[in-house]
Amino acid sequence: MPESDLHTENTLYVVVCSFVFVIVLMQSLALPKNDRSPSAIMDGDPCQGDPIAVEYNYSQGAESPHECAEQCRLNTPHYILYADGTASQCELLPACNDWGEDRGVFCIPQE
């Protein structure tokens, strides 16, 4: 293979790899992130949706029953309202995780 053909082949390889790299980089920066967690909810924010009243107090961390599963069954936003009056937000639909409970983030129940 003549040296000029080898140089052309290497140049083409570098150009194609650079093009692919630039496209992947642009997509990673331009595409919105699909974060369903209610990350904008801070301690003390109003709760979103309907309450899921439970007969136990909040006990710092993930509880055994998966209360927010009801949210997916009904397809409406919910929060957990504990017997002691505290409340934590469920993850945004279509997810059903006990987001606030797992992270110790509380919301204020709506009257």
C-alpha atoms as a PDB file:
ATOM      1  CA  MET A   1       0.000   0.000   0.000  1.00  0.00           C
ATOM      2  CA  PRO A   2       1.506   3.349  -0.991  1.00  0.00           C
ATOM      3  CA  GLU A   3       2.269   5.802   1.803  1.00  0.00           C
ATOM      4  CA  SER A   4      -0.170   8.434   0.488  1.00  0.00           C
ATOM      5  CA  ASP A   5      -3.063   5.910   0.699  1.00  0.00           C
ATOM      6  CA  LEU A   6      -2.078   5.022   4.262  1.00  0.00           C
ATOM      7  CA  HIS A   7      -1.997   8.709   5.214  1.00  0.00           C
ATOM      8  CA  THR A   8      -5.453   9.236   3.643  1.00  0.00           C
ATOM      9  CA  GLU A   9      -6.850   6.206   5.479  1.00  0.00           C
ATOM     10  CA  ASN A  10      -5.480   7.438   8.842  1.00  0.00           C
ATOM     11  CA  THR A  11      -6.836  10.926   8.218  1.00  0.00           C
ATOM     12  CA  LEU A  12     -10.271   9.546   7.388  1.00  0.00           C
ATOM     13  CA  TYR A  13     -10.219   7.420  10.557  1.00  0.00           C
ATOM     14  CA  VAL A  14      -9.369  10.465  12.719  1.00  0.00           C
ATOM     15  CA  VAL A  15     -12.068  12.586  11.070  1.00  0.00           C
ATOM     16  CA  VAL A  16     -14.780   9.937  11.531  1.00  0.00           C
ATOM     17  CA  CYS A  17     -13.819   9.297  15.176  1.00  0.00           C
ATOM     18  CA  SER A  18     -13.745  13.031  15.893  1.00  0.00           C
ATOM     19  CA  PHE A  19     -17.153  13.491  14.270  1.00  0.00           C
ATOM     20  CA  VAL A  20     -18.670  10.679  16.360  1.00  0.00           C
ATOM     21  CA  PHE A  21     -17.119  12.105  19.529  1.00  0.00           C
ATOM     22  CA  VAL A  22     -18.516  15.585  18.843  1.00  0.00           C
ATOM     23  CA  ILE A  23     -22.022  14.204  18.171  1.00  0.00           C
ATOM     24  CA  VAL A  24     -22.022  12.137  21.379  1.00  0.00           C
ATOM     25  CA  LEU A  25     -20.747  15.101  23.389  1.00  0.00           C
ATOM     26  CA  MET A  26     -23.420  17.425  21.957  1.00  0.00           C
ATOM     27  CA  GLN A  27     -26.187  14.932  22.720  1.00  0.00           C
ATOM     28  CA  SER A  28     -25.062  14.452  26.295  1.00  0.00           C
ATOM     29  CA  LEU A  29     -25.061  18.211  26.903  1.00  0.00           C
ATOM     30  CA  ALA A  30     -28.224  19.087  24.964  1.00  0.00           C
ATOM     31  CA  LEU A  31     -30.680  16.365  25.975  1.00  0.00           C
ATOM     32  CA  PRO A  32     -32.815  17.021  29.057  1.00  0.00           C
ATOM     33  CA  LYS A  33     -32.312  14.671  31.944  1.00  0.00           C
ATOM     34  CA  ASN A  34     -35.267  12.442  32.815  1.00  0.00           C
ATOM     35  CA  ASP A  35     -35.260  12.807  36.600  1.00  0.00           C
ATOM     36  CA  ARG A  36     -38.601  11.802  38.060  1.00  0.00           C
ATOM     37  CA  SER A  37     -37.560  12.418  41.632  1.00  0.00           C
ATOM     38  CA  PRO A  38     -39.259  15.442  43.162  1.00  0.00           C
ATOM     39  CA  SER A  39     -35.865  17.037  43.685  1.00  0.00           C
ATOM     40  CA  ALA A  40     -37.388  20.516  43.792  1.00  0.00           C
ATOM     41  CA  ILE A  41     -39.243  19.563  46.977  1.00  0.00           C
ATOM     42  CA  MET A  42     -37.399  20.700  50.052  1.00  0.00           C
ATOM     43  CA  ASP A  43     -38.217  20.181  53.721  1.00  0.00           C
ATOM     44  CA  GLY A  44     -41.237  22.305  54.528  1.00  0.00           C
ATOM     45  CA  ASP A  45     -42.638  22.588  50.982  1.00  0.00           C
ATOM     46  CA  PRO A  46     -46.328  21.796  50.429  1.00  0.00           C
ATOM     47  CA  CYS A  47     -47.104  18.141  49.696  1.00  0.00           C
ATOM     48  CA  GLN A  48     -48.291  17.328  46.171  1.00  0.00           C
ATOM     49  CA  GLY A  49     -51.293  15.097  45.507  1.00  0.00           C
ATOM     50  CA  ASP A  50     -53.540  13.087  47.808  1.00  0.00           C
ATOM     51  CA  PRO A  51     -52.541  11.702  51.215  1.00  0.00           C
ATOM     52  CA  ILE A  52     -51.929   8.039  51.945  1.00  0.00           C
ATOM     53  CA  ALA A  53     -52.721   7.918  55.668  1.00  0.00           C
ATOM     54  CA  VAL A  54     -50.785   5.287  57.629  1.00  0.00           C
ATOM     55  CA  GLU A  55     -51.217   4.169  61.230  1.00  0.00           C
ATOM     56  CA  TYR A  56     -47.558   4.365  62.214  1.00  0.00           C
ATOM     57  CA  ASN A  57     -45.147   7.220  62.961  1.00  0.00           C
ATOM     58  CA  TYR A  58     -42.221   8.116  60.761  1.00  0.00           C
ATOM     59  CA  SER A  59     -39.146   6.290  62.058  1.00  0.00           C
ATOM     60  CA  GLN A  60     -36.209   7.706  60.077  1.00  0.00           C
ATOM     61  CA  GLY A  61     -35.643   5.721  56.913  1.00  0.00           C
ATOM     62  CA  ALA A  62     -37.311   3.270  54.607  1.00  0.00           C
ATOM     63  CA  GLU A  63     -40.341   1.601  56.129  1.00  0.00           C
ATOM     64  CA  SER A  64     -41.269  -1.975  55.355  1.00  0.00           C
ATOM     65  CA  PRO A  65     -44.635  -1.396  53.633  1.00  0.00           C
ATOM     66  CA  HIS A  66     -44.355   0.156  50.201  1.00  0.00           C
ATOM     67  CA  GLU A  67     -47.064   2.792  50.672  1.00  0.00           C
ATOM     68  CA  CYS A  68     -46.542   4.757  47.453  1.00  0.00           C
ATOM     69  CA  ALA A  69     -47.439   1.709  45.341  1.00  0.00           C
ATOM     70  CA  GLU A  70     -51.027   2.979  45.642  1.00  0.00           C
ATOM     71  CA  GLN A  71     -49.962   6.001  43.589  1.00  0.00           C
ATOM     72  CA  CYS A  72     -49.327   3.824  40.523  1.00  0.00           C
ATOM     73  CA  ARG A  73     -52.510   1.837  41.047  1.00  0.00           C
ATOM     74  CA  LEU A  74     -54.559   5.069  41.028  1.00  0.00           C
ATOM     75  CA  ASN A  75     -52.271   6.974  38.616  1.00  0.00           C
ATOM     76  CA  THR A  76     -52.452  10.173  40.700  1.00  0.00           C
ATOM     77  CA  PRO A  77     -49.743  11.895  42.792  1.00  0.00           C
ATOM     78  CA  HIS A  78     -49.639  11.048  46.509  1.00  0.00           C
ATOM     79  CA  TYR A  79     -47.729  11.646  49.706  1.00  0.00           C
ATOM     80  CA  ILE A  80     -47.530   9.581  52.897  1.00  0.00           C
ATOM     81  CA  LEU A  81     -49.253  11.093  55.942  1.00  0.00           C
ATOM     82  CA  TYR A  82     -47.910   9.423  59.110  1.00  0.00           C
ATOM     83  CA  ALA A  83     -49.852   9.012  62.370  1.00  0.00           C
ATOM     84  CA  ASP A  84     -47.608  11.604  64.061  1.00  0.00           C
ATOM     85  CA  GLY A  85     -48.638  14.276  61.511  1.00  0.00           C
ATOM     86  CA  THR A  86     -45.438  14.283  59.453  1.00  0.00           C
ATOM     87  CA  ALA A  87     -45.656  13.716  55.697  1.00  0.00           C
ATOM     88  CA  SER A  88     -43.260  12.665  52.928  1.00  0.00           C
ATOM     89  CA  GLN A  89     -43.664  12.953  49.154  1.00  0.00           C
ATOM     90  CA  CYS A  90     -43.965   9.947  46.840  1.00  0.00           C
ATOM     91  CA  GLU A  91     -41.781   9.932  43.726  1.00  0.00           C
ATOM     92  CA  LEU A  92     -43.350  11.564  40.682  1.00  0.00           C
ATOM     93  CA  LEU A  93     -45.441   9.435  38.324  1.00  0.00           C
ATOM     94  CA  PRO A  94     -45.002   7.066  36.607  1.00  0.00           C
ATOM     95  CA  ALA A  95     -42.775   5.898  39.499  1.00  0.00           C
ATOM     96  CA  CYS A  96     -44.144   4.701  42.825  1.00  0.00           C
ATOM     97  CA  ASN A  97     -41.215   4.889  45.238  1.00  0.00           C
ATOM     98  CA  ASP A  98     -41.431   6.266  48.783  1.00  0.00           C
ATOM     99  CA  TRP A  99     -39.015   9.051  47.782  1.00  0.00           C
ATOM    100  CA  GLY A 100     -39.368  11.435  50.744  1.00  0.00           C
ATOM    101  CA  GLU A 101     -39.534   8.657  53.317  1.00  0.00           C
ATOM    102  CA  ASP A 102     -36.331   7.054  52.044  1.00  0.00           C
ATOM    103  CA  ARG A 103     -34.453  10.381  52.146  1.00  0.00           C
ATOM    104  CA  GLY A 104     -35.954  11.957  55.266  1.00  0.00           C
ATOM    105  CA  VAL A 105     -37.487  14.828  53.249  1.00  0.00           C
ATOM    106  CA  PHE A 106     -40.787  16.088  54.662  1.00  0.00           C
ATOM    107  CA  CYS A 107     -43.569  18.132  53.111  1.00  0.00           C
ATOM    108  CA  ILE A 108     -46.440  20.055  54.661  1.00  0.00           C
ATOM    109  CA  PRO A 109     -49.842  18.376  54.128  1.00  0.00           C
ATOM    110  CA  GLN A 110     -52.505  20.453  52.422  1.00  0.00           C
ATOM    111  CA  GLU A 111     -55.726  21.033  54.338  1.00  0.00           C
END
